């Protein structure tokens, strides 16, 4: 099993945080702040792997 890249680990951390706080976030605008440069531009990227496309 290979170690996941920092990009993937940060992405999973954000997903898990949003899932955990979902009940408080539903119906509200919120901003996710990260220092991971590649994730800061997530909406403008081409997503190639199935994990990124989820």
C-alpha atoms as a PDB file:
ATOM      1  CA  UNK A   1       0.000   0.000   0.000  1.00  0.00           C
ATOM      2  CA  UNK A   2       1.488   3.319  -1.009  1.00  0.00           C
ATOM      3  CA  UNK A   3       1.355   6.438   1.094  1.00  0.00           C
ATOM      4  CA  UNK A   4      -1.171   8.982  -0.134  1.00  0.00           C
ATOM      5  CA  UNK A   5       0.072  12.344  -1.363  1.00  0.00           C
ATOM      6  CA  UNK A   6      -0.307  15.459   0.752  1.00  0.00           C
ATOM      7  CA  UNK A   7      -2.945  16.682  -1.723  1.00  0.00           C
ATOM      8  CA  UNK A   8      -5.086  13.580  -1.194  1.00  0.00           C
ATOM      9  CA  UNK A   9      -4.683  13.593   2.598  1.00  0.00           C
ATOM     10  CA  UNK A  10      -5.663  17.276   2.793  1.00  0.00           C
ATOM     11  CA  UNK A  11      -8.646  16.645   0.516  1.00  0.00           C
ATOM     12  CA  UNK A  12      -9.834  13.745   2.704  1.00  0.00           C
ATOM     13  CA  UNK A  13      -9.400  15.874   5.834  1.00  0.00           C
ATOM     14  CA  UNK A  14     -11.625  18.582   4.360  1.00  0.00           C
ATOM     15  CA  UNK A  15     -14.242  16.035   3.288  1.00  0.00           C
ATOM     16  CA  UNK A  16     -14.316  14.432   6.730  1.00  0.00           C
ATOM     17  CA  UNK A  17     -14.548  17.820   8.464  1.00  0.00           C
ATOM     18  CA  UNK A  18     -17.490  18.877   6.284  1.00  0.00           C
ATOM     19  CA  UNK A  19     -19.220  15.534   6.946  1.00  0.00           C
ATOM     20  CA  UNK A  20     -18.719  15.919  10.694  1.00  0.00           C
ATOM     21  CA  UNK A  21     -20.066  19.491  10.792  1.00  0.00           C
ATOM     22  CA  UNK A  22     -22.716  18.930   8.083  1.00  0.00           C
ATOM     23  CA  UNK A  23     -25.665  19.615  10.379  1.00  0.00           C
ATOM     24  CA  UNK A  24     -24.284  23.067  11.164  1.00  0.00           C
ATOM     25  CA  UNK A  25     -23.251  23.857   7.596  1.00  0.00           C
ATOM     26  CA  UNK A  26     -26.457  22.899   5.761  1.00  0.00           C
ATOM     27  CA  UNK A  27     -28.202  25.930   4.326  1.00  0.00           C
ATOM     28  CA  UNK A  28     -25.286  28.239   5.120  1.00  0.00           C
ATOM     29  CA  UNK A  29     -22.496  29.660   3.048  1.00  0.00           C
ATOM     30  CA  UNK A  30     -19.082  28.752   4.344  1.00  0.00           C
ATOM     31  CA  UNK A  31     -15.502  29.034   3.207  1.00  0.00           C
ATOM     32  CA  UNK A  32     -12.853  26.355   3.478  1.00  0.00           C
ATOM     33  CA  UNK A  33      -9.412  27.813   4.083  1.00  0.00           C
ATOM     34  CA  UNK A  34      -6.332  25.709   3.401  1.00  0.00           C
ATOM     35  CA  UNK A  35      -2.644  26.368   2.881  1.00  0.00           C
ATOM     36  CA  UNK A  36      -2.451  23.556   0.321  1.00  0.00           C
ATOM     37  CA  UNK A  37      -2.017  25.523  -2.937  1.00  0.00           C
ATOM     38  CA  UNK A  38      -3.400  22.791  -5.178  1.00  0.00           C
ATOM     39  CA  UNK A  39      -6.617  22.562  -3.147  1.00  0.00           C
ATOM     40  CA  UNK A  40      -7.091  26.332  -3.187  1.00  0.00           C
ATOM     41  CA  UNK A  41      -7.766  26.068  -6.921  1.00  0.00           C
ATOM     42  CA  UNK A  42      -9.792  22.859  -6.763  1.00  0.00           C
ATOM     43  CA  UNK A  43     -12.805  24.201  -8.647  1.00  0.00           C
ATOM     44  CA  UNK A  44     -10.689  25.276 -11.629  1.00  0.00           C
ATOM     45  CA  UNK A  45      -8.725  22.011 -11.929  1.00  0.00           C
ATOM     46  CA  UNK A  46      -9.253  19.057 -14.205  1.00  0.00           C
ATOM     47  CA  UNK A  47      -9.906  16.118 -11.876  1.00  0.00           C
ATOM     48  CA  UNK A  48      -8.408  12.925 -13.250  1.00  0.00           C
ATOM     49  CA  UNK A  49      -8.577  10.293 -10.523  1.00  0.00           C
ATOM     50  CA  UNK A  50     -11.812   8.795  -9.159  1.00  0.00           C
ATOM     51  CA  UNK A  51     -10.905  10.044  -5.659  1.00  0.00           C
ATOM     52  CA  UNK A  52     -10.671  13.619  -6.903  1.00  0.00           C
ATOM     53  CA  UNK A  53     -13.968  13.361  -8.776  1.00  0.00           C
ATOM     54  CA  UNK A  54     -16.005  12.357  -5.704  1.00  0.00           C
END
